N, C-alpha and C. Protein backbone atom coordinates (compact mmCIF):
# COMPACT_ATOMS: atom_id res chain seq x y z
N MET A 1 0.74 -1.12 -0.11
CA MET A 1 0.04 0.20 0.27
C MET A 1 1.07 0.97 0.29
N VAL A 2 1.91 1.13 0.79
CA VAL A 2 2.66 2.77 0.83
C VAL A 2 3.24 2.80 -0.38
N LEU A 3 4.12 1.68 -1.41
CA LEU A 3 4.25 1.71 -2.22
C LEU A 3 3.15 2.34 -3.71
N ALA A 4 1.89 1.39 -3.49
CA ALA A 4 1.13 1.87 -4.49
C ALA A 4 0.78 3.71 -4.29
N LEU A 5 0.50 4.20 -3.01
CA LEU A 5 0.75 5.37 -2.75
C LEU A 5 1.72 6.34 -3.63
N ALA A 6 2.85 6.01 -2.97
CA ALA A 6 3.81 6.73 -3.34
C ALA A 6 3.74 6.78 -5.32
N VAL A 7 3.35 5.85 -5.67
CA VAL A 7 3.52 5.87 -7.39
C VAL A 7 2.16 6.41 -7.88
N PHE A 8 1.29 5.99 -7.03
CA PHE A 8 0.18 7.36 -7.54
C PHE A 8 0.37 8.82 -7.20
N TYR A 9 1.04 8.91 -6.20
CA TYR A 9 1.12 10.16 -5.98
C TYR A 9 2.43 11.48 -7.15
N ALA A 10 3.11 10.25 -7.42
CA ALA A 10 4.34 10.89 -8.63
C ALA A 10 3.55 11.09 -9.46
N TRP A 11 2.75 9.87 -9.94
CA TRP A 11 1.59 10.11 -11.19
C TRP A 11 0.72 10.99 -11.50
N TYR A 12 0.27 11.52 -9.94
CA TYR A 12 -0.74 12.65 -10.01
C TYR A 12 0.51 13.96 -10.50
N MET A 13 0.99 13.46 -9.66
CA MET A 13 2.21 14.97 -10.07
C MET A 13 2.58 15.75 -10.97
N THR A 14 2.85 13.74 -11.73
CA THR A 14 3.77 14.26 -12.96
C THR A 14 2.28 14.92 -13.80
N ALA A 15 1.04 14.24 -13.71
CA ALA A 15 -0.16 14.40 -14.90
C ALA A 15 -0.72 15.94 -14.47
N TRP A 16 -0.39 16.26 -13.46
CA TRP A 16 -1.07 17.65 -13.07
C TRP A 16 0.09 18.86 -13.61
N GLY A 17 1.56 18.33 -13.25
CA GLY A 17 2.80 19.68 -13.83
C GLY A 17 2.71 19.48 -15.12
N ALA A 18 2.41 18.32 -15.83
CA ALA A 18 2.15 18.18 -17.33
C ALA A 18 1.10 19.32 -18.31
N ASN A 19 0.24 19.44 -17.36
CA ASN A 19 -0.73 20.20 -17.54
C ASN A 19 -0.67 21.24 -17.95
N TRP A 20 0.85 22.04 -17.68
CA TRP A 20 1.02 23.25 -17.73
C TRP A 20 2.34 23.07 -18.69
N LEU A 21 2.68 22.44 -19.51
CA LEU A 21 3.98 22.29 -20.56
C LEU A 21 2.91 22.12 -21.82
N GLU A 22 4.00 22.71 -23.18
CA GLU A 22 3.79 22.12 -24.07
C GLU A 22 4.35 20.93 -24.69
N PRO A 23 3.45 19.61 -25.13
CA PRO A 23 3.96 18.13 -25.22
C PRO A 23 4.56 18.31 -26.63
N ASP A 24 4.27 19.33 -27.31
CA ASP A 24 5.26 18.76 -28.70
C ASP A 24 6.67 19.52 -28.69
N ARG A 25 7.34 20.39 -27.18
CA ARG A 25 8.48 20.72 -27.31
C ARG A 25 9.22 19.87 -27.09
N LEU A 26 10.73 19.52 -27.62
CA LEU A 26 11.40 19.18 -27.45
C LEU A 26 11.85 18.40 -25.72
N PRO A 27 12.32 19.92 -25.52
CA PRO A 27 12.49 19.55 -23.91
C PRO A 27 11.42 19.07 -22.85
N VAL A 28 10.14 19.26 -23.22
CA VAL A 28 9.18 18.44 -22.51
C VAL A 28 9.00 16.95 -23.16
N GLN A 29 9.44 16.81 -24.32
CA GLN A 29 9.89 15.61 -24.75
C GLN A 29 10.97 14.38 -24.20
N LEU A 30 11.59 15.30 -23.78
CA LEU A 30 12.92 14.40 -23.55
C LEU A 30 12.73 14.54 -21.36
N LEU A 31 12.03 15.46 -21.40
CA LEU A 31 12.10 15.24 -19.38
C LEU A 31 11.06 14.38 -19.78
N LEU A 32 9.58 13.98 -20.36
CA LEU A 32 8.84 12.65 -20.08
C LEU A 32 9.19 11.60 -20.22
N VAL A 33 10.26 11.40 -21.56
CA VAL A 33 10.89 10.36 -21.74
C VAL A 33 11.86 9.96 -20.67
N GLY A 34 12.84 10.89 -20.00
CA GLY A 34 13.13 10.40 -19.13
C GLY A 34 12.37 10.30 -17.59
N LEU A 35 11.12 10.55 -16.88
CA LEU A 35 10.61 10.42 -16.36
C LEU A 35 9.79 8.68 -16.30
N MET A 36 9.79 8.93 -17.78
CA MET A 36 9.11 6.96 -18.26
C MET A 36 10.53 6.47 -17.82
N PHE A 37 11.37 6.80 -17.58
CA PHE A 37 12.38 5.11 -17.51
C PHE A 37 12.60 5.64 -16.04
N ALA A 38 12.88 6.53 -15.45
CA ALA A 38 12.35 6.27 -14.05
C ALA A 38 11.22 5.52 -13.09
N CYS A 39 10.20 5.76 -14.24
CA CYS A 39 8.93 4.45 -13.46
C CYS A 39 9.14 3.48 -14.01
N LEU A 40 10.10 2.78 -15.12
CA LEU A 40 10.51 1.74 -15.29
C LEU A 40 11.33 0.92 -14.08
N LEU A 41 12.35 1.83 -13.72
CA LEU A 41 13.31 1.87 -13.26
C LEU A 41 12.33 1.36 -11.51
N MET A 42 11.63 2.11 -11.37
CA MET A 42 10.53 2.10 -9.94
C MET A 42 10.16 0.75 -10.10
N SER A 43 9.11 0.68 -11.32
CA SER A 43 8.36 -0.54 -11.50
C SER A 43 8.82 -2.06 -11.04
N VAL A 44 10.20 -1.87 -11.98
CA VAL A 44 11.06 -2.83 -11.85
C VAL A 44 11.77 -3.37 -10.44
N ALA A 45 11.85 -2.16 -9.81
CA ALA A 45 12.15 -2.27 -8.32
C ALA A 45 10.97 -3.17 -7.49
N ILE A 46 10.01 -2.61 -7.83
CA ILE A 46 9.01 -2.89 -6.51
C ILE A 46 8.86 -4.24 -5.70
N ALA A 47 8.87 -4.92 -6.30
CA ALA A 47 8.66 -6.14 -6.10
C ALA A 47 9.74 -6.67 -4.91
N GLU A 48 10.86 -6.15 -4.77
CA GLU A 48 11.91 -6.53 -4.33
C GLU A 48 12.23 -4.66 -3.55
N ALA A 49 11.84 -4.22 -3.22
CA ALA A 49 11.83 -2.56 -2.77
C ALA A 49 11.96 -2.76 -1.19
N PHE A 50 11.13 -3.73 -0.81
CA PHE A 50 11.59 -4.13 0.95
C PHE A 50 12.80 -5.02 0.88
N GLY A 51 13.07 -5.33 -0.03
CA GLY A 51 14.53 -6.15 -0.04
C GLY A 51 15.27 -5.70 -0.49
N SER A 52 16.17 -6.67 -1.63
CA SER A 52 17.52 -6.07 -2.16
C SER A 52 17.48 -4.92 -3.38
N ARG A 53 16.22 -4.38 -3.45
CA ARG A 53 16.29 -3.45 -4.45
C ARG A 53 15.31 -2.51 -3.94
N ALA A 54 15.99 -1.77 -2.57
CA ALA A 54 15.48 -0.41 -2.34
C ALA A 54 15.96 0.71 -2.46
N TRP A 55 16.93 0.18 -2.84
CA TRP A 55 18.20 2.05 -3.12
C TRP A 55 17.35 1.86 -4.74
N LEU A 56 17.18 1.24 -5.36
CA LEU A 56 16.91 1.19 -6.91
C LEU A 56 15.26 1.85 -7.44
N PHE A 57 14.64 1.10 -6.31
CA PHE A 57 13.46 2.34 -5.84
C PHE A 57 13.76 3.59 -5.54
N VAL A 58 13.91 3.50 -4.62
CA VAL A 58 14.35 5.17 -4.45
C VAL A 58 15.20 6.02 -5.15
N VAL A 59 16.33 5.38 -5.89
CA VAL A 59 16.96 6.53 -6.34
C VAL A 59 16.02 6.80 -7.63
N ALA A 60 15.15 6.08 -8.08
CA ALA A 60 14.53 6.03 -9.44
C ALA A 60 13.11 7.07 -8.85
N TYR A 61 12.78 7.08 -7.91
CA TYR A 61 11.70 8.07 -7.17
C TYR A 61 11.99 9.55 -7.04
N LEU A 62 13.10 9.68 -6.37
CA LEU A 62 13.71 10.70 -6.19
C LEU A 62 14.13 11.42 -7.43
N LEU A 63 14.69 10.53 -8.31
CA LEU A 63 14.59 11.41 -9.71
C LEU A 63 13.74 11.98 -10.24
N LEU A 64 12.55 10.92 -10.39
CA LEU A 64 11.05 11.12 -11.04
C LEU A 64 10.83 12.90 -9.93
N GLN A 65 10.63 12.73 -8.99
CA GLN A 65 10.31 13.63 -8.23
C GLN A 65 10.85 15.13 -8.13
N VAL A 66 11.91 14.65 -8.21
CA VAL A 66 12.83 16.17 -8.01
C VAL A 66 13.22 16.80 -9.75
N ARG A 67 13.39 15.93 -10.81
CA ARG A 67 13.51 16.51 -12.04
C ARG A 67 12.59 16.81 -12.47
N ARG A 68 11.33 16.34 -12.28
CA ARG A 68 9.91 17.07 -12.67
C ARG A 68 9.51 18.45 -11.84
N ALA A 69 10.07 18.33 -10.85
CA ALA A 69 10.20 20.12 -9.95
C ALA A 69 10.89 20.78 -10.44
N VAL A 70 12.32 20.32 -10.75
CA VAL A 70 13.44 21.41 -11.22
C VAL A 70 12.82 21.85 -12.66
N PHE A 71 12.66 21.15 -13.50
CA PHE A 71 11.79 21.32 -14.79
C PHE A 71 11.18 22.65 -14.40
N LEU A 72 9.52 21.90 -13.84
CA LEU A 72 8.47 22.70 -13.72
C LEU A 72 8.79 24.59 -13.51
N ILE A 73 9.78 24.12 -12.13
CA ILE A 73 10.56 25.66 -11.98
C ILE A 73 11.01 26.67 -12.89
N VAL A 74 12.29 26.13 -14.01
CA VAL A 74 12.49 26.54 -14.90
C VAL A 74 11.45 27.00 -16.01
N ALA A 75 10.59 25.75 -16.06
CA ALA A 75 9.93 25.95 -17.66
C ALA A 75 8.15 26.97 -17.25
N LEU A 76 8.17 26.96 -15.50
CA LEU A 76 7.14 28.57 -15.42
C LEU A 76 7.78 29.47 -14.69
N ARG A 77 9.15 29.92 -14.83
CA ARG A 77 9.51 30.97 -14.43
C ARG A 77 8.73 32.43 -14.62
N GLY A 78 9.20 33.38 -13.83
CA GLY A 78 8.28 34.34 -13.99
C GLY A 78 6.64 34.17 -13.76
N ARG A 79 5.90 32.88 -13.27
CA ARG A 79 4.62 32.74 -13.12
C ARG A 79 4.28 32.02 -11.68
N ALA A 80 3.60 32.82 -11.02
CA ALA A 80 2.72 32.33 -9.45
C ALA A 80 2.73 30.28 -9.19
N LEU A 81 3.12 29.95 -10.50
CA LEU A 81 3.45 28.46 -10.62
C LEU A 81 4.48 28.08 -10.62
N GLY A 82 5.26 28.66 -11.36
CA GLY A 82 6.86 28.48 -11.09
C GLY A 82 7.33 28.46 -9.57
N GLU A 83 6.61 29.83 -8.74
CA GLU A 83 7.21 29.68 -7.23
C GLU A 83 6.44 28.87 -6.67
N HIS A 84 5.17 28.44 -7.36
CA HIS A 84 4.81 26.84 -6.60
C HIS A 84 5.70 26.27 -6.87
N PHE A 85 6.30 25.50 -7.43
CA PHE A 85 7.11 24.41 -7.74
C PHE A 85 8.48 24.13 -6.88
N VAL A 86 8.88 25.58 -6.76
CA VAL A 86 10.07 25.37 -5.80
C VAL A 86 9.66 25.04 -4.51
N ASN A 87 8.17 24.99 -3.68
CA ASN A 87 7.69 25.02 -2.87
C ASN A 87 7.65 23.21 -3.07
N VAL A 88 7.24 23.03 -4.19
CA VAL A 88 6.96 21.48 -3.96
C VAL A 88 8.03 20.40 -3.82
N LEU A 89 9.38 21.22 -4.74
CA LEU A 89 10.58 21.12 -4.46
C LEU A 89 11.42 20.91 -3.21
N VAL A 90 10.44 21.32 -2.21
CA VAL A 90 11.40 21.47 -0.93
C VAL A 90 10.24 20.72 -0.33
N TRP A 91 9.04 20.30 -0.48
CA TRP A 91 8.35 19.10 0.34
C TRP A 91 8.84 17.93 -0.70
N GLU A 92 9.40 17.68 -1.90
CA GLU A 92 9.89 16.46 -2.04
C GLU A 92 11.42 16.32 -1.68
N LEU A 93 11.71 17.19 -1.19
CA LEU A 93 13.30 17.23 -0.83
C LEU A 93 13.23 16.55 0.60
N LEU A 94 12.44 17.36 1.48
CA LEU A 94 11.59 16.79 3.04
C LEU A 94 11.26 15.33 2.69
N ALA A 95 10.84 14.86 2.03
CA ALA A 95 9.85 13.86 1.77
C ALA A 95 11.31 12.55 1.38
N GLY A 96 12.34 12.94 1.08
CA GLY A 96 13.43 12.36 -0.29
C GLY A 96 14.54 12.06 0.99
N GLY A 97 14.74 12.74 1.68
CA GLY A 97 15.10 12.14 3.30
C GLY A 97 14.69 10.94 4.19
N LEU A 98 13.06 11.45 3.98
CA LEU A 98 12.95 9.77 4.28
C LEU A 98 12.72 8.73 3.63
N TRP A 99 12.59 8.87 2.08
CA TRP A 99 12.69 7.95 1.61
C TRP A 99 14.44 7.54 1.56
N VAL A 100 15.54 8.34 1.66
CA VAL A 100 17.11 8.17 1.74
C VAL A 100 17.14 6.74 3.41
N ALA A 101 16.41 7.51 4.06
CA ALA A 101 16.88 7.13 5.80
C ALA A 101 15.77 5.34 5.50
N GLY A 102 14.69 5.25 4.84
CA GLY A 102 13.88 3.98 4.57
C GLY A 102 15.35 3.07 3.78
N ALA A 103 15.89 3.85 2.93
CA ALA A 103 16.22 2.44 2.05
C ALA A 103 17.95 2.14 2.65
N VAL A 104 18.51 3.12 3.39
CA VAL A 104 19.60 2.61 4.78
C VAL A 104 18.69 1.58 5.49
N ALA A 105 17.51 1.95 5.90
CA ALA A 105 16.26 1.25 7.28
C ALA A 105 16.71 -0.31 6.64
N ASP A 106 16.05 -0.98 7.60
CA ASP A 106 15.49 -2.74 7.09
C ASP A 106 14.43 -3.08 7.68
N GLY A 107 13.26 -3.56 7.32
CA GLY A 107 12.45 -4.45 8.32
C GLY A 107 11.49 -3.58 8.30
N THR A 108 10.66 -3.31 9.72
CA THR A 108 9.72 -2.57 10.16
C THR A 108 9.99 -0.97 10.17
N ALA A 109 11.21 -0.69 10.48
CA ALA A 109 12.08 0.68 10.31
C ALA A 109 11.70 1.07 8.54
N ARG A 110 11.80 0.47 8.08
CA ARG A 110 12.03 0.69 6.55
C ARG A 110 10.38 1.31 5.98
N LEU A 111 9.59 0.44 6.60
CA LEU A 111 7.91 0.65 6.19
C LEU A 111 7.95 1.51 7.01
N ILE A 112 7.89 2.28 8.07
CA ILE A 112 7.49 3.24 8.95
C ILE A 112 7.79 4.17 8.25
N LEU A 113 9.45 4.82 7.92
CA LEU A 113 10.40 5.71 7.47
C LEU A 113 9.51 6.33 5.82
N TRP A 114 9.26 4.79 5.20
CA TRP A 114 8.41 5.20 4.21
C TRP A 114 6.91 5.29 3.85
N ALA A 115 6.22 4.84 5.18
CA ALA A 115 5.11 5.41 5.23
C ALA A 115 4.86 7.33 5.92
N LEU A 116 5.95 7.41 6.41
CA LEU A 116 6.01 8.69 6.85
C LEU A 116 6.41 9.93 5.98
N ALA A 117 7.12 9.40 4.78
CA ALA A 117 7.15 9.83 3.27
C ALA A 117 6.17 9.93 2.22
N VAL A 118 5.47 8.98 2.38
CA VAL A 118 3.88 8.92 1.51
C VAL A 118 3.33 10.38 2.50
N LEU A 119 2.74 10.12 3.45
CA LEU A 119 2.56 10.75 4.07
C LEU A 119 2.75 12.18 4.43
N VAL A 120 4.18 12.64 4.22
CA VAL A 120 4.65 14.04 3.54
C VAL A 120 4.36 14.66 2.60
N ASN A 121 4.14 13.21 1.43
CA ASN A 121 4.13 13.67 -0.41
C ASN A 121 2.26 14.28 -0.38
N TYR A 122 1.65 13.92 0.72
CA TYR A 122 0.15 13.88 0.80
C TYR A 122 -0.27 15.38 1.38
N VAL A 123 0.70 15.51 2.60
CA VAL A 123 0.49 16.31 3.40
C VAL A 123 0.93 17.40 2.63
N GLY A 124 1.79 17.48 2.18
CA GLY A 124 2.33 18.84 1.00
C GLY A 124 1.26 19.36 0.05
N ALA A 125 1.21 18.02 -0.71
CA ALA A 125 -0.27 18.23 -1.58
C ALA A 125 -1.44 18.63 -1.41
N ALA A 126 -2.11 18.03 0.09
CA ALA A 126 -3.12 18.88 0.24
C ALA A 126 -3.03 20.18 1.07
N THR A 127 -1.88 20.53 1.71
CA THR A 127 -1.81 22.46 2.13
C THR A 127 -1.50 22.96 1.12
N LEU A 128 -1.37 22.44 -0.27
CA LEU A 128 -1.25 23.18 -1.79
C LEU A 128 0.23 23.64 -1.21
N HIS A 129 1.05 22.52 -0.55
CA HIS A 129 3.04 23.12 -0.43
C HIS A 129 2.91 24.18 0.08
N TRP A 130 2.34 24.65 1.28
CA TRP A 130 2.84 25.42 1.86
C TRP A 130 3.86 25.80 2.78
N LEU A 131 4.58 26.60 2.56
CA LEU A 131 6.52 26.74 3.66
C LEU A 131 5.98 28.18 4.43
N PRO A 132 6.58 27.96 5.93
CA PRO A 132 6.83 28.55 6.23
C PRO A 132 7.55 29.75 5.94
N GLY A 133 7.27 31.25 6.00
CA GLY A 133 7.99 31.80 5.18
C GLY A 133 7.71 32.42 3.80
N ARG A 134 7.27 31.26 3.14
CA ARG A 134 6.77 31.50 1.85
C ARG A 134 5.11 31.41 1.62
N GLY A 135 4.60 30.50 2.47
CA GLY A 135 3.04 30.32 2.40
C GLY A 135 2.83 29.48 1.50
N GLN A 136 1.36 29.36 0.57
CA GLN A 136 1.12 29.00 -0.15
C GLN A 136 1.12 30.19 -1.89
N ARG A 137 2.04 29.50 -2.74
CA ARG A 137 2.36 30.56 -3.58
C ARG A 137 0.90 30.04 -4.95
N VAL A 138 0.41 29.16 -5.16
CA VAL A 138 -1.10 29.25 -5.78
C VAL A 138 -2.19 29.04 -5.21
N SER A 139 -2.85 29.51 -5.36
CA SER A 139 -4.78 29.10 -4.79
C SER A 139 -5.36 27.79 -5.67
N LEU A 140 -6.26 27.32 -5.65
CA LEU A 140 -7.25 26.44 -6.18
C LEU A 140 -7.47 26.96 -7.80
N GLY A 141 -7.44 28.28 -7.31
CA GLY A 141 -8.48 29.23 -8.03
C GLY A 141 -7.47 29.66 -9.18
N GLN A 142 -6.08 29.68 -8.91
CA GLN A 142 -5.06 29.54 -10.06
C GLN A 142 -4.48 28.78 -10.98
N THR A 143 -5.02 27.38 -10.28
CA THR A 143 -4.49 26.08 -10.61
C THR A 143 -5.29 25.67 -12.05
N GLU A 144 -6.03 26.37 -12.87
CA GLU A 144 -6.83 25.77 -13.66
C GLU A 144 -6.46 24.68 -14.58
N ILE A 145 -6.65 23.39 -14.34
CA ILE A 145 -6.68 22.27 -15.04
C ILE A 145 -7.38 21.69 -16.27
N ALA A 146 -6.54 20.97 -16.92
CA ALA A 146 -7.33 20.21 -18.54
C ALA A 146 -8.22 19.11 -17.66
N GLY A 147 -9.14 19.29 -17.33
CA GLY A 147 -10.31 18.63 -16.64
C GLY A 147 -9.86 17.22 -17.57
N GLU A 148 -10.18 17.39 -19.21
CA GLU A 148 -9.97 16.10 -19.97
C GLU A 148 -8.24 15.06 -20.21
N HIS A 149 -7.66 16.25 -19.81
CA HIS A 149 -6.18 15.51 -19.82
C HIS A 149 -6.20 14.79 -18.88
N LEU A 150 -6.83 15.34 -17.24
CA LEU A 150 -5.97 14.47 -16.49
C LEU A 150 -7.20 13.05 -16.11
N ILE A 151 -8.23 13.20 -16.49
CA ILE A 151 -9.29 12.18 -16.71
C ILE A 151 -8.64 10.87 -17.37
N GLU A 152 -7.67 11.45 -18.82
CA GLU A 152 -7.64 10.71 -19.62
C GLU A 152 -6.21 9.87 -19.06
N ARG A 153 -5.45 10.67 -18.01
CA ARG A 153 -4.33 10.18 -17.58
C ARG A 153 -4.69 9.27 -16.52
N PHE A 154 -5.55 9.29 -16.05
CA PHE A 154 -6.24 8.53 -14.70
C PHE A 154 -6.63 7.33 -15.13
N ARG A 155 -7.06 7.52 -16.38
CA ARG A 155 -7.29 5.93 -16.99
C ARG A 155 -6.28 5.08 -18.03
N LEU A 156 -5.46 5.78 -18.18
CA LEU A 156 -4.29 5.31 -18.49
C LEU A 156 -3.91 4.67 -17.36
N PHE A 157 -3.96 5.48 -15.89
CA PHE A 157 -2.91 4.67 -14.62
C PHE A 157 -3.98 3.63 -14.21
N PHE A 158 -4.98 3.60 -14.34
CA PHE A 158 -5.71 2.15 -14.38
C PHE A 158 -5.69 1.37 -14.91
N LEU A 159 -5.48 1.62 -16.38
CA LEU A 159 -5.37 0.21 -17.44
C LEU A 159 -4.25 -0.09 -16.99
N ILE A 160 -2.78 0.51 -16.79
CA ILE A 160 -1.85 -0.03 -16.82
C ILE A 160 -1.54 -0.82 -15.36
N VAL A 161 -2.51 -0.62 -14.10
CA VAL A 161 -2.72 -1.28 -12.89
C VAL A 161 -3.38 -2.57 -13.66
N LEU A 162 -4.21 -2.34 -13.97
CA LEU A 162 -4.91 -3.43 -14.38
C LEU A 162 -3.97 -4.43 -15.28
N GLY A 163 -3.39 -3.91 -16.10
CA GLY A 163 -2.52 -5.24 -16.93
C GLY A 163 -1.26 -5.48 -16.53
N GLU A 164 -0.83 -4.76 -15.55
CA GLU A 164 0.17 -5.15 -14.38
C GLU A 164 -0.48 -6.79 -12.88
N SER A 165 -1.66 -6.33 -12.90
CA SER A 165 -2.28 -7.51 -12.90
C SER A 165 -2.37 -9.00 -13.08
N VAL A 166 -2.86 -8.72 -14.80
CA VAL A 166 -2.69 -9.64 -15.44
C VAL A 166 -1.47 -10.17 -15.53
N LEU A 167 -0.55 -9.83 -15.05
CA LEU A 167 0.97 -9.81 -15.67
C LEU A 167 1.46 -10.81 -14.10
N ALA A 168 0.80 -10.15 -13.11
CA ALA A 168 1.74 -10.87 -11.95
C ALA A 168 0.87 -11.86 -11.64
N ALA A 169 -0.34 -12.51 -12.28
CA ALA A 169 -1.25 -13.50 -11.95
C ALA A 169 -0.30 -14.59 -13.18
N GLY A 170 -0.38 -14.06 -14.51
CA GLY A 170 0.32 -14.91 -15.23
C GLY A 170 1.59 -15.48 -14.43
N ASN A 171 2.56 -14.73 -14.06
CA ASN A 171 3.76 -14.96 -13.86
C ASN A 171 3.62 -16.11 -12.86
N ALA A 172 2.47 -15.74 -11.36
CA ALA A 172 2.46 -16.79 -10.49
C ALA A 172 1.93 -17.89 -10.64
N PHE A 173 1.28 -18.26 -11.64
CA PHE A 173 0.92 -19.40 -12.56
C PHE A 173 1.93 -20.26 -13.04
N THR A 174 2.87 -19.57 -13.94
CA THR A 174 3.97 -20.25 -14.64
C THR A 174 5.00 -20.50 -13.68
N ASP A 175 5.25 -19.87 -12.42
CA ASP A 175 6.07 -20.78 -11.51
C ASP A 175 6.27 -21.65 -10.91
N GLU A 176 5.02 -22.09 -10.99
CA GLU A 176 4.61 -23.64 -10.12
C GLU A 176 3.90 -24.58 -10.68
N PRO A 177 4.30 -25.58 -10.34
CA PRO A 177 3.36 -26.86 -11.59
C PRO A 177 2.13 -26.71 -11.71
N PHE A 178 1.94 -27.16 -13.03
CA PHE A 178 0.22 -27.14 -12.99
C PHE A 178 -0.76 -27.65 -12.37
N GLU A 179 -1.64 -27.31 -11.26
CA GLU A 179 -2.71 -27.63 -10.72
C GLU A 179 -3.78 -27.34 -11.12
N VAL A 180 -5.35 -28.06 -11.35
CA VAL A 180 -6.36 -27.46 -10.99
C VAL A 180 -6.39 -26.50 -10.41
N GLU A 181 -6.37 -26.78 -9.23
CA GLU A 181 -6.63 -25.00 -8.35
C GLU A 181 -6.00 -23.94 -8.32
N ARG A 182 -4.79 -23.99 -8.98
CA ARG A 182 -4.10 -23.14 -9.42
C ARG A 182 -4.59 -22.29 -11.13
N LEU A 183 -5.21 -22.97 -11.76
CA LEU A 183 -5.67 -22.73 -12.61
C LEU A 183 -7.21 -21.94 -12.31
N LEU A 184 -7.69 -22.32 -11.28
CA LEU A 184 -9.07 -21.76 -10.74
C LEU A 184 -8.67 -20.57 -10.51
N ALA A 185 -7.79 -20.65 -9.89
CA ALA A 185 -7.18 -19.20 -9.07
C ALA A 185 -6.78 -18.42 -10.20
N LEU A 186 -6.25 -18.78 -11.43
CA LEU A 186 -5.82 -17.73 -12.18
C LEU A 186 -7.10 -17.13 -12.77
N ALA A 187 -8.06 -18.32 -13.23
CA ALA A 187 -9.19 -17.55 -14.06
C ALA A 187 -10.02 -17.04 -13.13
N ILE A 188 -10.11 -17.13 -11.68
CA ILE A 188 -10.86 -16.16 -11.12
C ILE A 188 -9.93 -14.25 -10.90
N ALA A 189 -8.62 -15.03 -10.54
CA ALA A 189 -8.04 -13.53 -10.80
C ALA A 189 -7.91 -12.54 -12.17
N PHE A 190 -8.15 -13.36 -13.26
CA PHE A 190 -8.28 -12.78 -14.59
C PHE A 190 -9.61 -11.78 -14.62
N THR A 191 -10.80 -12.90 -14.09
CA THR A 191 -12.48 -12.24 -13.82
C THR A 191 -12.45 -11.32 -13.13
N GLY A 192 -11.68 -11.00 -12.59
CA GLY A 192 -11.90 -10.28 -11.13
C GLY A 192 -11.10 -8.98 -11.51
N THR A 193 -9.97 -8.84 -12.68
CA THR A 193 -9.21 -8.18 -13.37
C THR A 193 -10.40 -7.78 -15.00
N VAL A 194 -11.12 -8.37 -14.64
CA VAL A 194 -11.68 -8.25 -16.32
C VAL A 194 -13.51 -6.99 -15.37
N ALA A 195 -13.68 -8.19 -14.64
CA ALA A 195 -14.76 -6.91 -14.14
C ALA A 195 -14.49 -5.39 -13.67
N LEU A 196 -13.33 -5.06 -13.28
CA LEU A 196 -12.78 -4.11 -12.95
C LEU A 196 -12.68 -3.22 -13.94
N TRP A 197 -12.13 -3.37 -14.83
CA TRP A 197 -11.97 -2.97 -16.08
C TRP A 197 -12.84 -2.64 -16.50
């Protein structure tokens, strides 16, 4: 759940931030390709993030979060939103310290530190990334969002999650000997995924 909430937050912040960028510009396209690669690394690491791939997940996650915030600061400089992403960057760095501490720790300590990092991310978003001395740099009224853009991005996120579920069920089935009970479990998992779709 902790990693799912982290990935969802990263997805949301990327979709929300991209709302103000021109997707046909080469720098934006290069940013998005880099963020996609960071997402790929996170995906590769998730299954073993509480084990041997903690650092891979954390480094990829932080590259995604920090690179996106820095890019938006530069791309939106001179606008209130650019100043807002300065606040976002500070919150990401605060959470980043907890992500790194969790990667250093193990077991329950890692889980607690990473849960706190996720909490910091969500509190930041809920407070519009308020900072002492800087306050909020935007209000909800200043953050016009292309609703269709965001809805489409969340639909794509949901489809990816469903596809990952089918792949995970298939991988689990192929790793063990064939048994009727396992085939039934695979069919139920697939049916559940189709029903969600």
